[in-house]
Amino acid sequence: MKITVISVWYNEAILAPFFLTHYSYVDKIHIFLDTATNDGTEEMCKQYGNVEIEKFSFPSNMFDEKIKMRKINNFITELKSDWVYVLCSDEFIFPETKELARTVLARQTANLLYAKMWQSWRHKTETDLDPFNPSVYQRRHGSLLYKKRTKLYNKPIIAKPEIGIGWKKGQHSYLKNEEIVISKEKFVGCHWKNADIDSAVAERMERCERMRGQQNIDRYALEEGMRKKAEEHLNDPQMF
């Protein structure tokens, strides 16, 4: 069985070692690396034998979600793999059971699996992130993403490439396809967007610079709001 992970990256040096170690069991991690990346992400990726880098550029160096999704969906049509995960750099998924991912996937008669995603926050008892330790156990506290809109973060992000799935924005949904059979089993996962508030703030500020319509956001107010939110989650319950 061959498993491929696909992800689009830009300046991911902080999360890269956690992501690449967590998915070390897959056969290939295909990274679409934005050519504007300048923080050592590429050099870090080259230390992992199952990583394949494909460089690309957004027009005018401005992030565009439609271009991102088109690139992913086009790539999958030619992918020779039994299963594909389409993930963001801050998403860490694993089976609901304590079984290995390969064990769960091997018994599937379906061709699409959802992952129930949880928002990870640093608990008051947790230490700084350490790339030399298992990833998900470092941030086990948090909350279900968007409780009032739970469908949004039950993400259909594991599929057999041959079904020709066409993911939409953020891999939250896909184009209707009569060939798709949804599994009753699910993976679960942690969304590390706010796992480390300092890096989260830096990433958000940089993202604002690269997205149309966000360049004029009040950065001071944004940072203050993010840090306040992190403090509100210091006592979140343990998720798993």
Protein backbone atom coordinates (compact mmCIF):
# COMPACT_ATOMS: atom_id res chain seq x y z
CA MET A 1 0.00 0.00 0.00
CA LYS A 2 1.33 3.41 -0.97
CA ILE A 3 0.31 6.54 0.94
CA THR A 4 1.09 10.05 -0.27
CA VAL A 5 0.74 13.30 1.64
CA ILE A 6 0.28 16.55 -0.30
CA SER A 7 0.77 19.98 1.24
CA VAL A 8 1.40 23.55 0.04
CA TRP A 9 4.07 25.39 2.05
CA TYR A 10 5.52 28.84 2.51
CA ASN A 11 8.08 29.55 5.27
CA GLU A 12 7.23 26.51 7.40
CA ALA A 13 10.56 26.02 9.20
CA ILE A 14 8.89 26.04 12.63
CA LEU A 15 6.26 23.38 11.91
CA ALA A 16 8.20 21.38 9.31
CA PRO A 17 10.09 19.05 11.71
CA PHE A 18 6.88 18.21 13.58
CA PHE A 19 4.90 17.59 10.40
CA LEU A 20 7.60 15.57 8.63
CA THR A 21 8.27 13.41 11.68
CA HIS A 22 4.57 12.78 12.31
CA TYR A 23 4.10 11.57 8.71
CA SER A 24 7.38 9.67 8.49
CA TYR A 25 5.38 6.44 7.99
CA VAL A 26 3.96 7.49 4.59
CA ASP A 27 5.72 6.64 1.34
CA LYS A 28 5.90 10.16 -0.04
CA ILE A 29 5.32 13.70 1.19
CA HIS A 30 4.89 15.95 -1.84
CA ILE A 31 5.48 19.58 -0.86
CA PHE A 32 4.47 22.36 -3.23
CA LEU A 33 6.98 24.92 -1.99
CA ASP A 34 6.38 28.59 -2.71
CA THR A 35 9.53 30.03 -4.29
CA ALA A 36 9.24 33.06 -1.97
CA THR A 37 10.15 30.79 0.96
CA ASN A 38 13.35 32.05 2.60
CA ASP A 39 13.46 30.60 6.12
CA GLY A 40 15.34 27.35 5.52
CA THR A 41 12.27 25.17 4.98
CA GLU A 42 13.71 23.61 1.82
CA GLU A 43 16.98 22.63 3.49
CA MET A 44 15.04 21.08 6.36
CA CYS A 45 12.84 19.05 4.00
CA LYS A 46 15.89 17.59 2.28
CA GLN A 47 16.81 15.84 5.53
CA TYR A 48 13.80 13.52 5.16
CA GLY A 49 14.04 10.71 2.63
CA ASN A 50 10.33 10.53 1.78
CA VAL A 51 9.96 14.23 0.94
CA GLU A 52 9.58 15.41 -2.65
CA ILE A 53 9.72 19.17 -3.34
CA GLU A 54 8.04 20.90 -6.26
CA LYS A 55 8.59 24.65 -6.41
CA PHE A 56 6.01 27.08 -7.74
CA SER A 57 5.13 30.77 -7.56
CA PHE A 58 1.92 32.67 -6.99
CA PRO A 59 1.32 35.58 -9.41
CA SER A 60 2.73 38.83 -7.99
CA ASN A 61 3.79 36.85 -4.91
CA MET A 62 0.21 37.06 -3.59
CA PHE A 63 -1.32 33.96 -1.99
CA ASP A 64 -4.36 32.70 -3.92
CA GLU A 65 -6.50 29.85 -2.56
CA LYS A 66 -8.02 29.04 -5.97
CA ILE A 67 -4.59 28.57 -7.53
CA LYS A 68 -3.54 26.41 -4.59
CA MET A 69 -6.53 24.08 -4.91
CA ARG A 70 -6.21 23.85 -8.69
CA LYS A 71 -2.59 22.80 -8.30
CA ILE A 72 -3.45 20.10 -5.78
CA ASN A 73 -6.40 18.69 -7.73
CA ASN A 74 -4.46 18.59 -11.01
CA PHE A 75 -1.58 16.80 -9.36
CA ILE A 76 -3.83 14.11 -7.89
CA THR A 77 -5.22 13.15 -11.30
CA GLU A 78 -1.78 11.75 -12.21
CA LEU A 79 -0.86 10.40 -8.78
CA LYS A 80 0.05 6.71 -8.56
CA SER A 81 -0.83 5.99 -4.96
CA ASP A 82 -3.38 3.93 -3.02
CA TRP A 83 -4.28 6.74 -0.64
CA VAL A 84 -3.64 10.47 -0.48
CA TYR A 85 -3.86 12.88 2.46
CA VAL A 86 -4.26 16.55 1.53
CA LEU A 87 -3.16 18.59 4.54
CA CYS A 88 -2.05 22.00 5.70
CA SER A 89 1.30 22.22 7.47
CA ASP A 90 -0.41 22.59 10.86
CA GLU A 91 -2.66 19.51 10.60
CA PHE A 92 -1.74 16.25 12.35
CA ILE A 93 -4.14 13.36 11.84
CA PHE A 94 -4.30 9.80 13.18
CA PRO A 95 -6.94 7.01 13.50
CA GLU A 96 -9.64 7.26 16.18
CA THR A 97 -8.51 3.86 17.41
CA LYS A 98 -4.99 3.08 18.60
CA GLU A 99 -4.34 1.20 15.36
CA LEU A 100 -1.76 2.19 12.79
CA ALA A 101 -3.04 4.30 9.91
CA ARG A 102 -2.01 1.61 7.43
CA THR A 103 -4.08 -0.97 9.30
CA VAL A 104 -7.21 1.19 9.14
CA LEU A 105 -6.76 2.07 5.48
CA ALA A 106 -6.05 -1.53 4.46
CA ARG A 107 -9.51 -2.70 5.51
CA GLN A 108 -11.46 0.07 3.78
CA THR A 109 -14.08 -0.74 1.17
CA ALA A 110 -14.86 2.99 0.98
CA ASN A 111 -12.68 5.51 -0.86
CA LEU A 112 -13.01 8.68 1.26
CA LEU A 113 -12.39 9.25 4.97
CA TYR A 114 -13.09 12.28 7.11
CA ALA A 115 -10.93 13.61 9.92
CA LYS A 116 -12.49 15.29 12.94
CA MET A 117 -10.22 18.22 13.67
CA TRP A 118 -9.57 19.76 17.08
CA GLN A 119 -8.06 23.17 17.72
CA SER A 120 -4.90 22.81 19.81
CA TRP A 121 -3.95 25.46 22.34
CA ARG A 122 -1.08 25.56 24.78
CA HIS A 123 -2.27 24.47 28.21
CA LYS A 124 -0.79 26.11 31.31
CA THR A 125 0.95 22.83 32.15
CA GLU A 126 2.55 22.35 28.72
CA THR A 127 6.09 23.36 27.80
CA ASP A 128 7.55 24.91 24.65
CA LEU A 129 7.32 22.78 21.52
CA ASP A 130 10.22 20.36 21.09
CA PRO A 131 10.85 18.89 17.60
CA PHE A 132 12.69 15.95 19.15
CA ASN A 133 9.55 14.67 20.90
CA PRO A 134 6.36 13.15 19.39
CA SER A 135 4.25 15.96 17.97
CA VAL A 136 0.63 15.55 18.97
CA TYR A 137 1.30 14.66 22.61
CA GLN A 138 2.85 18.08 23.16
CA ARG A 139 -0.48 19.82 22.57
CA ARG A 140 -3.31 17.61 23.82
CA HIS A 141 -5.59 20.37 25.08
CA GLY A 142 -8.04 22.48 23.17
CA SER A 143 -11.53 22.53 21.73
CA LEU A 144 -13.58 21.26 18.82
CA LEU A 145 -13.17 23.72 15.99
CA TYR A 146 -16.28 25.78 15.27
CA LYS A 147 -18.71 24.02 17.63
CA LYS A 148 -21.69 25.71 16.00
CA ARG A 149 -20.51 24.65 12.54
CA THR A 150 -19.16 21.17 13.18
CA LYS A 151 -19.38 20.11 9.54
CA LEU A 152 -16.69 22.64 8.69
CA TYR A 153 -14.04 20.76 10.61
CA ASN A 154 -15.04 17.26 9.78
CA LYS A 155 -12.65 17.42 6.86
CA PRO A 156 -12.72 14.95 3.92
CA ILE A 157 -8.96 14.84 3.54
CA ILE A 158 -8.13 11.15 2.98
CA ALA A 159 -9.04 9.68 -0.39
CA LYS A 160 -8.17 7.23 -3.11
CA PRO A 161 -6.76 9.31 -5.99
CA GLU A 162 -8.60 7.38 -8.72
CA ILE A 163 -12.01 8.71 -7.66
CA GLY A 164 -11.05 12.07 -9.13
CA ILE A 165 -12.11 14.06 -6.10
CA GLY A 166 -12.07 17.81 -6.63
CA TRP A 167 -11.40 19.50 -3.32
CA LYS A 168 -12.73 22.99 -2.71
CA LYS A 169 -11.27 25.79 -0.59
CA GLY A 170 -9.31 24.56 2.40
CA GLN A 171 -10.21 20.91 1.69
CA HIS A 172 -13.43 21.43 3.68
CA SER A 173 -15.63 20.04 0.89
CA TYR A 174 -15.43 18.61 -2.61
CA LEU A 175 -17.27 18.49 -5.92
CA LYS A 176 -20.13 15.99 -6.11
CA ASN A 177 -18.97 12.69 -7.49
CA GLU A 178 -21.06 9.52 -7.82
CA GLU A 179 -17.97 7.35 -7.36
CA ILE A 180 -17.31 8.59 -3.84
CA VAL A 181 -18.08 6.18 -1.00
CA ILE A 182 -17.62 7.67 2.48
CA SER A 183 -16.18 5.45 5.18
CA LYS A 184 -17.95 5.01 8.51
CA GLU A 185 -14.55 5.17 10.17
CA LYS A 186 -12.83 8.46 10.84
CA PHE A 187 -9.44 9.81 11.66
CA VAL A 188 -9.07 12.55 14.24
CA GLY A 189 -6.57 15.35 14.22
CA CYS A 190 -5.03 18.40 15.82
CA HIS A 191 -4.97 21.80 14.18
CA TRP A 192 -1.81 23.52 15.37
CA LYS A 193 -2.62 26.99 14.12
CA ASN A 194 -2.24 28.35 17.66
CA ALA A 195 -0.03 25.68 19.21
CA ASP A 196 2.66 28.32 19.78
CA ILE A 197 1.27 31.83 19.98
CA ASP A 198 4.52 33.61 19.06
CA SER A 199 4.88 31.72 15.78
CA ALA A 200 1.12 31.98 15.18
CA VAL A 201 1.29 35.77 15.41
CA ALA A 202 4.32 35.93 13.11
CA GLU A 203 2.63 33.65 10.57
CA ARG A 204 -0.58 35.70 10.60
CA MET A 205 1.27 38.96 10.10
CA GLU A 206 3.21 37.54 7.17
CA ARG A 207 0.04 36.08 5.69
CA CYS A 208 -1.65 39.49 5.83
CA GLU A 209 1.17 40.88 3.72
CA ARG A 210 0.59 38.21 1.04
CA MET A 211 -3.20 38.23 0.78
CA ARG A 212 -5.21 40.75 -1.18
CA GLY A 213 -7.48 42.77 1.07
CA GLN A 214 -5.52 42.11 4.27
CA GLN A 215 -2.52 44.37 3.89
CA ASN A 216 -4.22 47.23 5.78
CA ILE A 217 -5.35 45.25 8.83
CA ASP A 218 -4.58 46.82 12.21
CA ARG A 219 -1.68 44.56 13.18
CA TYR A 220 -1.46 45.77 16.76
CA ALA A 221 -5.11 44.99 17.40
CA LEU A 222 -4.77 41.65 15.64
CA GLU A 223 -1.79 40.58 17.75
CA GLU A 224 -3.43 41.74 20.98
CA GLY A 225 -6.54 39.77 20.11
CA MET A 226 -4.60 36.61 19.30
CA ARG A 227 -2.62 36.72 22.53
CA LYS A 228 -5.74 37.37 24.58
CA LYS A 229 -7.43 34.40 22.93
CA ALA A 230 -4.46 32.17 23.79
CA GLU A 231 -4.72 33.17 27.46
CA GLU A 232 -8.40 32.23 27.44
CA HIS A 233 -7.45 28.68 26.43
CA LEU A 234 -4.81 28.01 29.11
CA ASN A 235 -7.25 25.75 30.97
CA ASP A 236 -8.81 23.93 28.03
CA PRO A 237 -9.74 20.26 28.58
CA GLN A 238 -7.62 17.41 27.31
CA MET A 239 -8.81 16.33 23.85
CA PHE A 240 -7.32 12.85 23.62
